[in-house]
Amino acid sequence: TRTTSDEQAEENLKQYEQQLEDKRREREQKQQERNMATSLSAQLLVKGIQPIEKFTGADEQDPLTWLQSIDELFDATKVDKLDRRRYLPMYFGEDVKKWYRSEEHNSEYDEFKKEFINTFTSSIHKLKISTKLLNRRQGNEESVQVYYYDILALCIRLNPAMQEEEKVLYLLRGLKPTIQQHVIMTNPKQSKELFEYAKRVEAAASITQPSSSSMTSSSMDEHIDETTAALRRTTITQNNRQDTRSYNLNNHRTQQQYDNTYNNRSYQPSRRSSTQLKCYNCHGIGHYAYQCPSHLN
């Protein structure tokens, strides 16, 4: 019969062997990572490409944008999808590696990327992207091309599987009104179709109405000179008006004084000297005929 001590010793041996096996696998994995890193670094060195930063899971890191940069690196070094799945964890930070080692993950590269994005894209991060997308408007001097690709990038960051109809709505709502009204009439169904219509409208507008930014320095100087001359004319006109008002006011006062003097003279009763009175009855001086003493007698 086996004793309890024998069973315990056997269990301890199994645990020890398991620990050795785990350490061996860990060493092999690290060695494999070093070999892949050496091979990849050599390819990067030959092509003159800088290695990308590790993904640490920080708030300022967008997992989708980071994966796009990784895929660009893999495309440049011609890494196939099978190797991409093995290479990707090499660019994880320590905290992200804990997540990676804590459970089994899909061996397919595309499926693993979806799992990675869902894990490290927080709801707050999605809310920020959604708000930015809703508030995005094409600037007055911004080209359709710059606006178009920025909106598409935000759409992919918000939802990598976003349908074309939703992308078209986001693109339409932020277009400049002068372009938007023409594009809506065409009723585009695809984002690429909308892009082509908007570019044609923009090109037509640039021909009929040159942008103000194309104004040369000489025309700017002429515009400034015209503005200065207009201001001077306005100042002179205002001064003339003030002088005219002052002149009219003085004339009005002088005329009023003259009229008052004339009126006073006109309404004063004429006083003739008594020595100028002559009687036609007695031809005497100093009284009228009806006052003549000879007539009264």
C-alpha atoms as a PDB file:
ATOM      1  CA  THR A   1       0.000   0.000   0.000  1.00  0.00           C
ATOM      2  CA  ARG A   2       1.065   3.540  -0.778  1.00  0.00           C
ATOM      3  CA  THR A   3       1.450   5.902   2.073  1.00  0.00           C
ATOM      4  CA  THR A   4       0.359   9.497   2.197  1.00  0.00           C
ATOM      5  CA  SER A   5       3.960  10.639   2.139  1.00  0.00           C
ATOM      6  CA  ASP A   6       4.564   8.745  -1.124  1.00  0.00           C
ATOM      7  CA  GLU A   7       1.575  10.392  -2.755  1.00  0.00           C
ATOM      8  CA  GLN A   8       2.706  13.789  -1.551  1.00  0.00           C
ATOM      9  CA  ALA A   9       6.203  13.203  -2.893  1.00  0.00           C
ATOM     10  CA  GLU A  10       4.811  12.166  -6.261  1.00  0.00           C
ATOM     11  CA  GLU A  11       2.605  15.271  -6.379  1.00  0.00           C
ATOM     12  CA  ASN A  12       5.572  17.479  -5.538  1.00  0.00           C
ATOM     13  CA  LEU A  13       7.575  15.856  -8.306  1.00  0.00           C
ATOM     14  CA  LYS A  14       4.849  16.525 -10.847  1.00  0.00           C
ATOM     15  CA  GLN A  15       4.656  20.157  -9.808  1.00  0.00           C
ATOM     16  CA  TYR A  16       8.404  20.485 -10.093  1.00  0.00           C
ATOM     17  CA  GLU A  17       8.424  18.925 -13.556  1.00  0.00           C
ATOM     18  CA  GLN A  18       5.589  21.230 -14.605  1.00  0.00           C
ATOM     19  CA  GLN A  19       7.540  24.243 -13.404  1.00  0.00           C
ATOM     20  CA  LEU A  20      10.555  23.114 -15.382  1.00  0.00           C
ATOM     21  CA  GLU A  21       8.393  22.643 -18.466  1.00  0.00           C
ATOM     22  CA  ASP A  22       6.873  26.117 -18.071  1.00  0.00           C
ATOM     23  CA  LYS A  23      10.298  27.682 -17.725  1.00  0.00           C
ATOM     24  CA  ARG A  24      11.521  25.784 -20.764  1.00  0.00           C
ATOM     25  CA  ARG A  25       8.590  27.006 -22.845  1.00  0.00           C
ATOM     26  CA  GLU A  26       9.115  30.531 -21.594  1.00  0.00           C
ATOM     27  CA  ARG A  27      12.781  30.400 -22.597  1.00  0.00           C
ATOM     28  CA  GLU A  28      11.868  29.030 -26.011  1.00  0.00           C
ATOM     29  CA  GLN A  29       9.262  31.735 -26.504  1.00  0.00           C
ATOM     30  CA  LYS A  30      11.705  34.479 -25.542  1.00  0.00           C
ATOM     31  CA  GLN A  31      14.341  33.002 -27.816  1.00  0.00           C
ATOM     32  CA  GLN A  32      11.831  32.827 -30.647  1.00  0.00           C
ATOM     33  CA  GLU A  33      10.863  36.445 -30.058  1.00  0.00           C
ATOM     34  CA  ARG A  34      14.520  37.456 -30.077  1.00  0.00           C
ATOM     35  CA  ASN A  35      15.083  35.584 -33.315  1.00  0.00           C
ATOM     36  CA  MET A  36      12.041  37.168 -34.936  1.00  0.00           C
ATOM     37  CA  ALA A  37      13.046  40.567 -33.618  1.00  0.00           C
ATOM     38  CA  THR A  38      16.524  40.138 -35.037  1.00  0.00           C
ATOM     39  CA  SER A  39      15.129  39.082 -38.401  1.00  0.00           C
ATOM     40  CA  LEU A  40      12.573  41.891 -38.460  1.00  0.00           C
ATOM     41  CA  SER A  41      15.089  44.460 -37.274  1.00  0.00           C
ATOM     42  CA  ALA A  42      17.435  43.388 -40.042  1.00  0.00           C
ATOM     43  CA  GLN A  43      14.679  43.891 -42.612  1.00  0.00           C
ATOM     44  CA  LEU A  44      13.840  47.279 -41.137  1.00  0.00           C
ATOM     45  CA  LEU A  45      17.498  48.253 -41.163  1.00  0.00           C
ATOM     46  CA  VAL A  46      17.865  47.280 -44.796  1.00  0.00           C
ATOM     47  CA  LYS A  47      14.742  49.216 -45.803  1.00  0.00           C
ATOM     48  CA  GLY A  48      15.566  52.196 -43.608  1.00  0.00           C
ATOM     49  CA  ILE A  49      12.286  51.974 -41.657  1.00  0.00           C
ATOM     50  CA  GLN A  50      12.053  52.914 -37.983  1.00  0.00           C
ATOM     51  CA  PRO A  51      10.458  50.376 -35.582  1.00  0.00           C
ATOM     52  CA  ILE A  52       7.111  51.373 -34.166  1.00  0.00           C
ATOM     53  CA  GLU A  53       6.347  52.181 -30.527  1.00  0.00           C
ATOM     54  CA  LYS A  54       4.855  49.540 -28.250  1.00  0.00           C
ATOM     55  CA  PHE A  55       1.185  49.495 -27.360  1.00  0.00           C
ATOM     56  CA  THR A  56       0.857  50.085 -23.615  1.00  0.00           C
ATOM     57  CA  GLY A  57      -2.908  50.510 -23.360  1.00  0.00           C
ATOM     58  CA  ALA A  58      -2.625  54.165 -22.308  1.00  0.00           C
ATOM     59  CA  ASP A  59      -5.649  56.427 -22.805  1.00  0.00           C
ATOM     60  CA  GLU A  60      -3.937  58.523 -25.458  1.00  0.00           C
ATOM     61  CA  GLN A  61      -3.215  55.434 -27.592  1.00  0.00           C
ATOM     62  CA  ASP A  62      -5.879  54.454 -30.095  1.00  0.00           C
ATOM     63  CA  PRO A  63      -5.715  50.672 -30.705  1.00  0.00           C
ATOM     64  CA  LEU A  64      -7.098  50.939 -34.237  1.00  0.00           C
ATOM     65  CA  THR A  65      -4.640  53.647 -35.277  1.00  0.00           C
ATOM     66  CA  TRP A  66      -1.811  51.695 -33.691  1.00  0.00           C
ATOM     67  CA  LEU A  67      -2.772  48.531 -35.584  1.00  0.00           C
ATOM     68  CA  GLN A  68      -2.877  50.474 -38.835  1.00  0.00           C
ATOM     69  CA  SER A  69       0.688  51.614 -38.224  1.00  0.00           C
ATOM     70  CA  ILE A  70       1.722  48.039 -37.435  1.00  0.00           C
ATOM     71  CA  ASP A  71       0.133  46.749 -40.642  1.00  0.00           C
ATOM     72  CA  GLU A  72       1.923  49.438 -42.643  1.00  0.00           C
ATOM     73  CA  LEU A  73       5.164  48.218 -41.111  1.00  0.00           C
ATOM     74  CA  PHE A  74       4.322  44.602 -41.947  1.00  0.00           C
ATOM     75  CA  ASP A  75       3.383  45.557 -45.501  1.00  0.00           C
ATOM     76  CA  ALA A  76       6.688  47.363 -45.956  1.00  0.00           C
ATOM     77  CA  THR A  77       8.629  44.326 -44.750  1.00  0.00           C
ATOM     78  CA  LYS A  78       6.411  41.844 -46.654  1.00  0.00           C
ATOM     79  CA  VAL A  79       5.341  39.898 -43.576  1.00  0.00           C
ATOM     80  CA  ASP A  80       2.505  37.428 -44.261  1.00  0.00           C
ATOM     81  CA  LYS A  81      -0.557  37.139 -42.009  1.00  0.00           C
ATOM     82  CA  LEU A  82       0.593  33.975 -40.286  1.00  0.00           C
ATOM     83  CA  ASP A  83       3.803  35.646 -39.155  1.00  0.00           C
ATOM     84  CA  ARG A  84       1.961  38.863 -38.289  1.00  0.00           C
ATOM     85  CA  ARG A  85      -0.064  36.971 -35.723  1.00  0.00           C
ATOM     86  CA  ARG A  86       3.162  35.778 -34.104  1.00  0.00           C
ATOM     87  CA  TYR A  87       5.003  39.094 -34.407  1.00  0.00           C
ATOM     88  CA  LEU A  88       2.267  41.328 -33.034  1.00  0.00           C
ATOM     89  CA  PRO A  89       2.690  40.471 -29.299  1.00  0.00           C
ATOM     90  CA  MET A  90       6.323  41.585 -29.546  1.00  0.00           C
ATOM     91  CA  TYR A  91       5.030  45.160 -29.690  1.00  0.00           C
ATOM     92  CA  PHE A  92       2.842  44.858 -26.588  1.00  0.00           C
ATOM     93  CA  GLY A  93       3.751  46.662 -23.377  1.00  0.00           C
ATOM     94  CA  GLU A  94       4.026  44.715 -20.130  1.00  0.00           C
ATOM     95  CA  ASP A  95       0.415  45.306 -19.038  1.00  0.00           C
ATOM     96  CA  VAL A  96      -0.909  44.330 -22.462  1.00  0.00           C
ATOM     97  CA  LYS A  97       1.236  41.194 -22.424  1.00  0.00           C
ATOM     98  CA  LYS A  98      -0.436  40.183 -19.168  1.00  0.00           C
ATOM     99  CA  TRP A  99      -3.768  40.267 -20.975  1.00  0.00           C
ATOM    100  CA  TYR A 100      -2.311  38.337 -23.888  1.00  0.00           C
ATOM    101  CA  ARG A 101      -0.862  35.595 -21.673  1.00  0.00           C
ATOM    102  CA  SER A 102      -3.892  35.293 -19.419  1.00  0.00           C
ATOM    103  CA  GLU A 103      -6.083  33.460 -21.940  1.00  0.00           C
ATOM    104  CA  GLU A 104      -6.204  31.723 -25.287  1.00  0.00           C
ATOM    105  CA  HIS A 105      -6.736  33.920 -28.333  1.00  0.00           C
ATOM    106  CA  ASN A 106      -7.805  33.362 -31.904  1.00  0.00           C
ATOM    107  CA  SER A 107      -4.966  32.213 -34.127  1.00  0.00           C
ATOM    108  CA  GLU A 108      -6.331  34.077 -37.164  1.00  0.00           C
ATOM    109  CA  TYR A 109      -4.700  37.482 -37.493  1.00  0.00           C
ATOM    110  CA  ASP A 110      -7.808  39.433 -38.555  1.00  0.00           C
ATOM    111  CA  GLU A 111      -9.955  37.889 -35.829  1.00  0.00           C
ATOM    112  CA  PHE A 112      -7.272  38.520 -33.252  1.00  0.00           C
ATOM    113  CA  LYS A 113      -7.153  42.190 -34.273  1.00  0.00           C
ATOM    114  CA  LYS A 114     -10.904  42.506 -33.704  1.00  0.00           C
ATOM    115  CA  GLU A 115     -10.500  40.967 -30.269  1.00  0.00           C
ATOM    116  CA  PHE A 116      -7.634  43.335 -29.518  1.00  0.00           C
ATOM    117  CA  ILE A 117      -9.622  46.408 -30.618  1.00  0.00           C
ATOM    118  CA  ASN A 118     -12.702  45.458 -28.594  1.00  0.00           C
ATOM    119  CA  THR A 119     -10.594  44.886 -25.489  1.00  0.00           C
ATOM    120  CA  PHE A 120      -8.624  48.124 -25.532  1.00  0.00           C
ATOM    121  CA  THR A 121     -11.191  50.545 -26.969  1.00  0.00           C
ATOM    122  CA  SER A 122     -13.017  52.098 -24.024  1.00  0.00           C
ATOM    123  CA  SER A 123     -16.527  53.560 -24.167  1.00  0.00           C
ATOM    124  CA  ILE A 124     -15.121  57.004 -23.283  1.00  0.00           C
ATOM    125  CA  HIS A 125     -12.715  56.784 -26.203  1.00  0.00           C
ATOM    126  CA  LYS A 126     -15.565  55.930 -28.570  1.00  0.00           C
ATOM    127  CA  LEU A 127     -17.628  58.811 -27.198  1.00  0.00           C
ATOM    128  CA  LYS A 128     -14.788  61.247 -27.909  1.00  0.00           C
ATOM    129  CA  ILE A 129     -14.469  59.984 -31.481  1.00  0.00           C
ATOM    130  CA  SER A 130     -18.240  60.164 -31.993  1.00  0.00           C
ATOM    131  CA  THR A 131     -18.359  63.753 -30.708  1.00  0.00           C
ATOM    132  CA  LYS A 132     -15.471  64.766 -32.936  1.00  0.00           C
ATOM    133  CA  LEU A 133     -17.131  63.154 -35.938  1.00  0.00           C
ATOM    134  CA  LEU A 134     -20.472  64.887 -35.313  1.00  0.00           C
ATOM    135  CA  ASN A 135     -18.829  68.295 -34.884  1.00  0.00           C
ATOM    136  CA  ARG A 136     -16.441  67.997 -37.835  1.00  0.00           C
ATOM    137  CA  ARG A 137     -17.047  70.676 -40.473  1.00  0.00           C
ATOM    138  CA  GLN A 138     -15.126  71.490 -43.638  1.00  0.00           C
ATOM    139  CA  GLY A 139     -13.133  74.689 -43.191  1.00  0.00           C
ATOM    140  CA  ASN A 140     -13.522  77.653 -45.517  1.00  0.00           C
ATOM    141  CA  GLU A 141     -10.029  77.144 -46.954  1.00  0.00           C
ATOM    142  CA  GLU A 142      -9.979  73.334 -46.504  1.00  0.00           C
ATOM    143  CA  SER A 143     -10.008  71.176 -49.617  1.00  0.00           C
ATOM    144  CA  VAL A 144     -12.585  68.452 -50.191  1.00  0.00           C
ATOM    145  CA  GLN A 145      -9.828  65.842 -50.272  1.00  0.00           C
ATOM    146  CA  VAL A 146      -8.439  66.690 -46.821  1.00  0.00           C
ATOM    147  CA  TYR A 147     -11.937  66.810 -45.324  1.00  0.00           C
ATOM    148  CA  TYR A 148     -12.986  63.538 -47.000  1.00  0.00           C
ATOM    149  CA  TYR A 149     -10.109  61.403 -45.739  1.00  0.00           C
ATOM    150  CA  ASP A 150     -10.290  62.870 -42.243  1.00  0.00           C
ATOM    151  CA  ILE A 151     -13.988  61.945 -41.998  1.00  0.00           C
ATOM    152  CA  LEU A 152     -13.312  58.423 -43.267  1.00  0.00           C
ATOM    153  CA  ALA A 153     -10.530  57.955 -40.707  1.00  0.00           C
ATOM    154  CA  LEU A 154     -12.897  59.001 -37.906  1.00  0.00           C
ATOM    155  CA  CYS A 155     -15.599  56.665 -39.216  1.00  0.00           C
ATOM    156  CA  ILE A 156     -13.230  53.700 -39.182  1.00  0.00           C
ATOM    157  CA  ARG A 157     -12.025  54.567 -35.690  1.00  0.00           C
ATOM    158  CA  LEU A 158     -15.604  54.748 -34.452  1.00  0.00           C
ATOM    159  CA  ASN A 159     -16.752  51.595 -36.207  1.00  0.00           C
ATOM    160  CA  PRO A 160     -14.450  49.597 -38.511  1.00  0.00           C
ATOM    161  CA  ALA A 161     -17.522  47.880 -39.993  1.00  0.00           C
ATOM    162  CA  MET A 162     -19.495  51.101 -40.633  1.00  0.00           C
ATOM    163  CA  GLN A 163     -21.838  50.880 -43.620  1.00  0.00           C
ATOM    164  CA  GLU A 164     -21.467  53.150 -46.646  1.00  0.00           C
ATOM    165  CA  GLU A 165     -24.831  54.846 -46.053  1.00  0.00           C
ATOM    166  CA  GLU A 166     -23.685  56.025 -42.628  1.00  0.00           C
ATOM    167  CA  LYS A 167     -20.363  57.271 -43.991  1.00  0.00           C
ATOM    168  CA  VAL A 168     -22.189  59.273 -46.670  1.00  0.00           C
ATOM    169  CA  LEU A 169     -24.363  60.932 -44.014  1.00  0.00           C
ATOM    170  CA  TYR A 170     -21.331  61.958 -41.955  1.00  0.00           C
ATOM    171  CA  LEU A 171     -19.617  63.295 -45.067  1.00  0.00           C
ATOM    172  CA  LEU A 172     -22.652  65.267 -46.214  1.00  0.00           C
ATOM    173  CA  ARG A 173     -23.422  66.946 -42.907  1.00  0.00           C
ATOM    174  CA  GLY A 174     -19.989  68.556 -42.662  1.00  0.00           C
ATOM    175  CA  LEU A 175     -19.502  69.762 -46.235  1.00  0.00           C
ATOM    176  CA  LYS A 176     -19.432  73.484 -46.946  1.00  0.00           C
ATOM    177  CA  PRO A 177     -22.976  74.681 -47.818  1.00  0.00           C
ATOM    178  CA  THR A 178     -21.832  75.879 -51.252  1.00  0.00           C
ATOM    179  CA  ILE A 179     -20.708  72.326 -52.086  1.00  0.00           C
ATOM    180  CA  GLN A 180     -23.289  70.457 -50.039  1.00  0.00           C
ATOM    181  CA  GLN A 181     -26.307  71.809 -51.939  1.00  0.00           C
ATOM    182  CA  HIS A 182     -24.916  70.531 -55.255  1.00  0.00           C
ATOM    183  CA  VAL A 183     -23.847  67.121 -53.926  1.00  0.00           C
ATOM    184  CA  ILE A 184     -27.213  66.436 -52.259  1.00  0.00           C
ATOM    185  CA  MET A 185     -28.943  66.809 -55.628  1.00  0.00           C
ATOM    186  CA  THR A 186     -26.911  63.875 -57.002  1.00  0.00           C
ATOM    187  CA  ASN A 187     -28.019  61.612 -54.118  1.00  0.00           C
ATOM    188  CA  PRO A 188     -24.730  59.656 -53.794  1.00  0.00           C
ATOM    189  CA  LYS A 189     -24.915  56.131 -52.387  1.00  0.00           C
ATOM    190  CA  GLN A 190     -21.196  55.497 -51.892  1.00  0.00           C
ATOM    191  CA  SER A 191     -18.607  57.646 -50.130  1.00  0.00           C
ATOM    192  CA  LYS A 192     -16.298  57.463 -53.162  1.00  0.00           C
ATOM    193  CA  GLU A 193     -19.132  58.657 -55.379  1.00  0.00           C
ATOM    194  CA  LEU A 194     -19.770  61.607 -53.062  1.00  0.00           C
ATOM    195  CA  PHE A 195     -16.062  62.426 -53.114  1.00  0.00           C
ATOM    196  CA  GLU A 196     -15.986  62.632 -56.914  1.00  0.00           C
ATOM    197  CA  TYR A 197     -19.066  64.888 -57.061  1.00  0.00           C
ATOM    198  CA  ALA A 198     -17.703  67.190 -54.357  1.00  0.00           C
ATOM    199  CA  LYS A 199     -14.339  67.515 -56.129  1.00  0.00           C
ATOM    200  CA  ARG A 200     -16.042  68.535 -59.377  1.00  0.00           C
ATOM    201  CA  VAL A 201     -18.133  71.172 -57.606  1.00  0.00           C
ATOM    202  CA  GLU A 202     -15.025  72.477 -55.855  1.00  0.00           C
ATOM    203  CA  ALA A 203     -13.113  72.663 -59.141  1.00  0.00           C
ATOM    204  CA  ALA A 204     -15.958  74.526 -60.853  1.00  0.00           C
ATOM    205  CA  ALA A 205     -16.198  77.010 -57.979  1.00  0.00           C
ATOM    206  CA  SER A 206     -12.459  77.672 -58.078  1.00  0.00           C
ATOM    207  CA  ILE A 207     -12.726  78.625 -61.758  1.00  0.00           C
ATOM    208  CA  THR A 208     -15.734  80.946 -61.462  1.00  0.00           C
ATOM    209  CA  GLN A 209     -14.847  82.408 -58.073  1.00  0.00           C
ATOM    210  CA  PRO A 210     -11.089  82.505 -57.369  1.00  0.00           C
ATOM    211  CA  SER A 211     -10.178  82.027 -53.760  1.00  0.00           C
ATOM    212  CA  SER A 212      -9.375  85.115 -51.738  1.00  0.00           C
ATOM    213  CA  SER A 213      -6.162  83.421 -50.650  1.00  0.00           C
ATOM    214  CA  SER A 214      -4.840  83.762 -54.227  1.00  0.00           C
ATOM    215  CA  MET A 215      -4.793  87.556 -53.918  1.00  0.00           C
ATOM    216  CA  THR A 216      -1.306  88.820 -54.691  1.00  0.00           C
ATOM    217  CA  SER A 217       0.632  91.192 -52.503  1.00  0.00           C
ATOM    218  CA  SER A 218       0.192  93.978 -55.063  1.00  0.00           C
ATOM    219  CA  SER A 219      -3.578  93.574 -55.092  1.00  0.00           C
ATOM    220  CA  MET A 220      -3.527  93.541 -51.315  1.00  0.00           C
ATOM    221  CA  ASP A 221      -1.597  96.832 -51.369  1.00  0.00           C
ATOM    222  CA  GLU A 222      -4.098  98.286 -53.824  1.00  0.00           C
ATOM    223  CA  HIS A 223      -6.940  97.170 -51.597  1.00  0.00           C
ATOM    224  CA  ILE A 224      -5.300  98.826 -48.587  1.00  0.00           C
ATOM    225  CA  ASP A 225      -4.696 102.027 -50.588  1.00  0.00           C
ATOM    226  CA  GLU A 226      -8.323 102.102 -51.698  1.00  0.00           C
ATOM    227  CA  THR A 227      -9.487 101.607 -48.138  1.00  0.00           C
ATOM    228  CA  THR A 228      -7.219 104.404 -46.894  1.00  0.00           C
ATOM    229  CA  ALA A 229      -8.452 106.749 -49.636  1.00  0.00           C
ATOM    230  CA  ALA A 230     -12.053 105.950 -48.776  1.00  0.00           C
ATOM    231  CA  LEU A 231     -11.420 106.741 -45.129  1.00  0.00           C
ATOM    232  CA  ARG A 232      -9.805 110.045 -46.094  1.00  0.00           C
ATOM    233  CA  ARG A 233     -12.752 110.946 -48.331  1.00  0.00           C
ATOM    234  CA  THR A 234     -15.127 110.155 -45.504  1.00  0.00           C
ATOM    235  CA  THR A 235     -13.158 112.372 -43.107  1.00  0.00           C
ATOM    236  CA  ILE A 236     -13.063 115.269 -45.591  1.00  0.00           C
ATOM    237  CA  THR A 237     -16.787 114.937 -46.260  1.00  0.00           C
ATOM    238  CA  GLN A 238     -17.534 114.986 -42.545  1.00  0.00           C
ATOM    239  CA  ASN A 239     -15.358 118.099 -42.075  1.00  0.00           C
ATOM    240  CA  ASN A 240     -17.064 119.851 -44.993  1.00  0.00           C
ATOM    241  CA  ARG A 241     -20.434 119.034 -43.528  1.00  0.00           C
ATOM    242  CA  GLN A 242     -19.375 120.474 -40.188  1.00  0.00           C
ATOM    243  CA  ASP A 243     -18.073 123.665 -41.898  1.00  0.00           C
ATOM    244  CA  THR A 244     -21.281 123.983 -43.897  1.00  0.00           C
ATOM    245  CA  ARG A 245     -23.390 123.600 -40.770  1.00  0.00           C
ATOM    246  CA  SER A 246     -21.283 126.256 -38.983  1.00  0.00           C
ATOM    247  CA  TYR A 247     -21.542 128.630 -41.960  1.00  0.00           C
ATOM    248  CA  ASN A 248     -25.287 128.151 -42.264  1.00  0.00           C
ATOM    249  CA  LEU A 249     -25.730 128.649 -38.539  1.00  0.00           C
ATOM    250  CA  ASN A 250     -23.775 131.936 -38.604  1.00  0.00           C
ATOM    251  CA  ASN A 251     -25.698 133.146 -41.642  1.00  0.00           C
ATOM    252  CA  HIS A 252     -28.931 132.206 -39.974  1.00  0.00           C
ATOM    253  CA  ARG A 253     -28.019 134.193 -36.877  1.00  0.00           C
ATOM    254  CA  THR A 254     -26.932 137.240 -38.945  1.00  0.00           C
ATOM    255  CA  GLN A 255     -30.088 137.099 -41.033  1.00  0.00           C
ATOM    256  CA  GLN A 256     -32.202 136.750 -37.919  1.00  0.00           C
ATOM    257  CA  GLN A 257     -30.552 139.789 -36.344  1.00  0.00           C
ATOM    258  CA  TYR A 258     -31.116 141.773 -39.541  1.00  0.00           C
ATOM    259  CA  ASP A 259     -34.744 140.716 -39.769  1.00  0.00           C
ATOM    260  CA  ASN A 260     -35.354 141.633 -36.144  1.00  0.00           C
ATOM    261  CA  THR A 261     -33.860 145.088 -36.696  1.00  0.00           C
ATOM    262  CA  TYR A 262     -35.881 145.601 -39.874  1.00  0.00           C
ATOM    263  CA  ASN A 263     -39.085 144.455 -38.245  1.00  0.00           C
ATOM    264  CA  ASN A 264     -38.554 146.761 -35.284  1.00  0.00           C
ATOM    265  CA  ARG A 265     -38.078 149.660 -37.640  1.00  0.00           C
ATOM    266  CA  SER A 266     -41.041 148.701 -39.776  1.00  0.00           C
ATOM    267  CA  TYR A 267     -43.494 148.526 -36.928  1.00  0.00           C
ATOM    268  CA  GLN A 268     -42.391 151.723 -35.168  1.00  0.00           C
ATOM    269  CA  PRO A 269     -44.864 154.586 -35.860  1.00  0.00           C
ATOM    270  CA  SER A 270     -43.380 157.450 -37.880  1.00  0.00           C
ATOM    271  CA  ARG A 271     -42.933 160.521 -35.831  1.00  0.00           C
ATOM    272  CA  ARG A 272     -42.778 163.705 -37.876  1.00  0.00           C
ATOM    273  CA  SER A 273     -41.656 166.882 -36.294  1.00  0.00           C
ATOM    274  CA  SER A 274     -44.446 169.386 -35.591  1.00  0.00           C
ATOM    275  CA  THR A 275     -42.483 171.945 -37.530  1.00  0.00           C
ATOM    276  CA  GLN A 276     -43.111 169.980 -40.714  1.00  0.00           C
ATOM    277  CA  LEU A 277     -46.958 170.224 -40.356  1.00  0.00           C
ATOM    278  CA  LYS A 278     -48.626 172.715 -42.747  1.00  0.00           C
ATOM    279  CA  CYS A 279     -52.195 173.956 -42.842  1.00  0.00           C
ATOM    280  CA  TYR A 280     -53.752 174.259 -46.297  1.00  0.00           C
ATOM    281  CA  ASN A 281     -56.458 176.608 -44.993  1.00  0.00           C
ATOM    282  CA  CYS A 282     -54.374 179.456 -43.631  1.00  0.00           C
ATOM    283  CA  HIS A 283     -51.110 178.213 -44.954  1.00  0.00           C
ATOM    284  CA  GLY A 284     -49.795 178.294 -41.428  1.00  0.00           C
ATOM    285  CA  ILE A 285     -47.229 175.927 -40.042  1.00  0.00           C
ATOM    286  CA  GLY A 286     -47.598 173.713 -37.055  1.00  0.00           C
ATOM    287  CA  HIS A 287     -51.158 172.410 -37.551  1.00  0.00           C
ATOM    288  CA  TYR A 288     -53.479 170.698 -40.038  1.00  0.00           C
ATOM    289  CA  ALA A 289     -56.406 172.377 -41.791  1.00  0.00           C
ATOM    290  CA  TYR A 290     -59.009 170.743 -39.540  1.00  0.00           C
ATOM    291  CA  GLN A 291     -57.114 172.199 -36.607  1.00  0.00           C
ATOM    292  CA  CYS A 292     -56.854 175.680 -38.147  1.00  0.00           C
ATOM    293  CA  PRO A 293     -57.964 178.366 -35.656  1.00  0.00           C
ATOM    294  CA  SER A 294     -59.423 180.466 -38.437  1.00  0.00           C
ATOM    295  CA  HIS A 295     -61.599 177.609 -39.543  1.00  0.00           C
ATOM    296  CA  LEU A 296     -62.784 176.955 -36.024  1.00  0.00           C
ATOM    297  CA  ASN A 297     -63.751 180.616 -35.580  1.00  0.00           C
END
